[in-house]
Amino acid sequence: MGTMKFTRDEMHHKISELSGGQRAKIIFLGMVLQNANVLVLDEPTRNFSPLSAPVIRTALSEFNGTIISISHDRMYLDEVADVIYELSDNDLNTVF
């Protein structure tokens, strides 16, 4: 939890007392600890603080499984994505 920027005090809070971003980090940590091999994520960096977002991007870039994700966060896409598909009204194109 420390690597996810939880303070010592926050580590002892009830989940109901945590923010949405903190809850999302707990869920993410749970998936990693359960050895998930596929993550389906919708805007994975949206609810994280400026201090937590780089940690999340690093953790996701080091994830050994497959990540299927929707994001508008260019930094996330640059640091995490290997292949990007762009969906338009008429087409699905590989960006890289």
Protein backbone atom coordinates (compact mmCIF):
# COMPACT_ATOMS: atom_id res chain seq x y z
CA MET A 1 0.00 0.00 0.00
CA GLY A 2 2.93 2.27 0.62
CA THR A 3 4.01 2.03 -3.00
CA MET A 4 0.53 3.24 -3.97
CA LYS A 5 1.06 6.41 -1.91
CA PHE A 6 -1.19 5.47 1.03
CA THR A 7 -0.11 7.18 4.23
CA ARG A 8 0.39 5.07 7.32
CA ASP A 9 -2.85 6.53 8.72
CA GLU A 10 -4.83 5.76 5.54
CA MET A 11 -3.72 2.14 5.69
CA HIS A 12 -5.80 1.72 8.83
CA HIS A 13 -8.97 3.43 7.58
CA LYS A 14 -12.09 1.47 6.75
CA ILE A 15 -12.65 1.17 3.00
CA SER A 16 -15.87 3.17 3.38
CA GLU A 17 -13.77 6.10 4.62
CA LEU A 18 -11.46 6.13 1.58
CA SER A 19 -11.83 8.29 -1.52
CA GLY A 20 -12.83 6.85 -4.90
CA GLY A 21 -9.22 6.90 -6.05
CA GLN A 22 -8.03 5.15 -2.91
CA ARG A 23 -10.70 2.48 -3.34
CA ALA A 24 -9.64 2.01 -6.96
CA LYS A 25 -6.05 1.47 -5.81
CA ILE A 26 -7.23 -1.19 -3.33
CA ILE A 27 -9.14 -2.99 -6.11
CA PHE A 28 -6.11 -2.78 -8.40
CA LEU A 29 -3.82 -4.16 -5.68
CA GLY A 30 -6.28 -7.01 -5.13
CA MET A 31 -6.22 -7.92 -8.83
CA VAL A 32 -2.43 -7.91 -8.88
CA LEU A 33 -2.21 -10.03 -5.72
CA GLN A 34 -4.70 -12.52 -7.21
CA ASN A 35 -2.44 -12.89 -10.25
CA ALA A 36 -5.04 -11.63 -12.70
CA ASN A 37 -3.82 -12.05 -16.27
CA VAL A 38 -6.33 -9.71 -17.96
CA LEU A 39 -7.42 -6.27 -16.77
CA VAL A 40 -10.33 -4.42 -18.39
CA LEU A 41 -10.05 -0.77 -17.37
CA ASP A 42 -12.15 2.30 -18.15
CA GLU A 43 -10.11 5.52 -17.77
CA PRO A 44 -7.75 3.89 -15.25
CA THR A 45 -5.96 7.09 -14.22
CA ARG A 46 -9.03 9.33 -13.96
CA ASN A 47 -9.59 9.22 -10.19
CA PHE A 48 -6.00 9.33 -9.05
CA SER A 49 -4.15 12.26 -7.54
CA PRO A 50 -1.18 13.77 -9.37
CA LEU A 51 1.09 11.89 -6.93
CA SER A 52 -0.62 8.53 -7.43
CA ALA A 53 -1.09 8.58 -11.21
CA PRO A 54 2.62 8.01 -12.02
CA VAL A 55 2.72 5.07 -9.60
CA ILE A 56 -0.37 3.55 -11.23
CA ARG A 57 1.07 4.07 -14.73
CA THR A 58 4.31 2.36 -13.66
CA ALA A 59 2.46 -0.55 -12.07
CA LEU A 60 0.32 -1.00 -15.17
CA SER A 61 3.31 -0.77 -17.52
CA GLU A 62 4.99 -3.54 -15.49
CA PHE A 63 1.85 -5.71 -15.46
CA ASN A 64 2.67 -9.08 -17.09
CA GLY A 65 -0.79 -9.77 -18.41
CA THR A 66 -3.05 -8.13 -20.97
CA ILE A 67 -4.68 -4.76 -20.38
CA ILE A 68 -7.75 -3.78 -22.38
CA SER A 69 -8.35 -0.14 -21.67
CA ILE A 70 -10.19 2.98 -22.73
CA SER A 71 -8.38 6.22 -21.98
CA HIS A 72 -7.98 9.81 -23.08
CA ASP A 73 -4.90 10.24 -20.87
CA ARG A 74 -2.03 10.68 -23.34
CA MET A 75 0.63 10.10 -20.69
CA TYR A 76 -1.04 6.79 -19.74
CA LEU A 77 -1.24 5.77 -23.40
CA ASP A 78 2.41 6.71 -24.03
CA GLU A 79 3.72 4.88 -20.96
CA VAL A 80 1.46 1.80 -20.81
CA ALA A 81 0.01 0.94 -24.23
CA ASP A 82 1.80 -1.26 -26.75
CA VAL A 83 -1.02 -1.13 -29.31
CA ILE A 84 -3.66 1.57 -29.64
CA TYR A 85 -6.88 1.19 -31.58
CA GLU A 86 -8.89 4.25 -32.50
CA LEU A 87 -12.63 3.83 -32.96
CA SER A 88 -14.40 6.27 -35.26
CA ASP A 89 -17.97 6.37 -36.56
CA ASN A 90 -17.03 4.16 -39.51
CA ASP A 91 -13.87 2.34 -38.63
CA LEU A 92 -11.51 0.73 -36.16
CA ASN A 93 -7.89 1.60 -36.93
CA THR A 94 -4.58 0.63 -35.37
CA VAL A 95 -2.73 3.78 -34.37
CA PHE A 96 0.46 1.88 -33.43
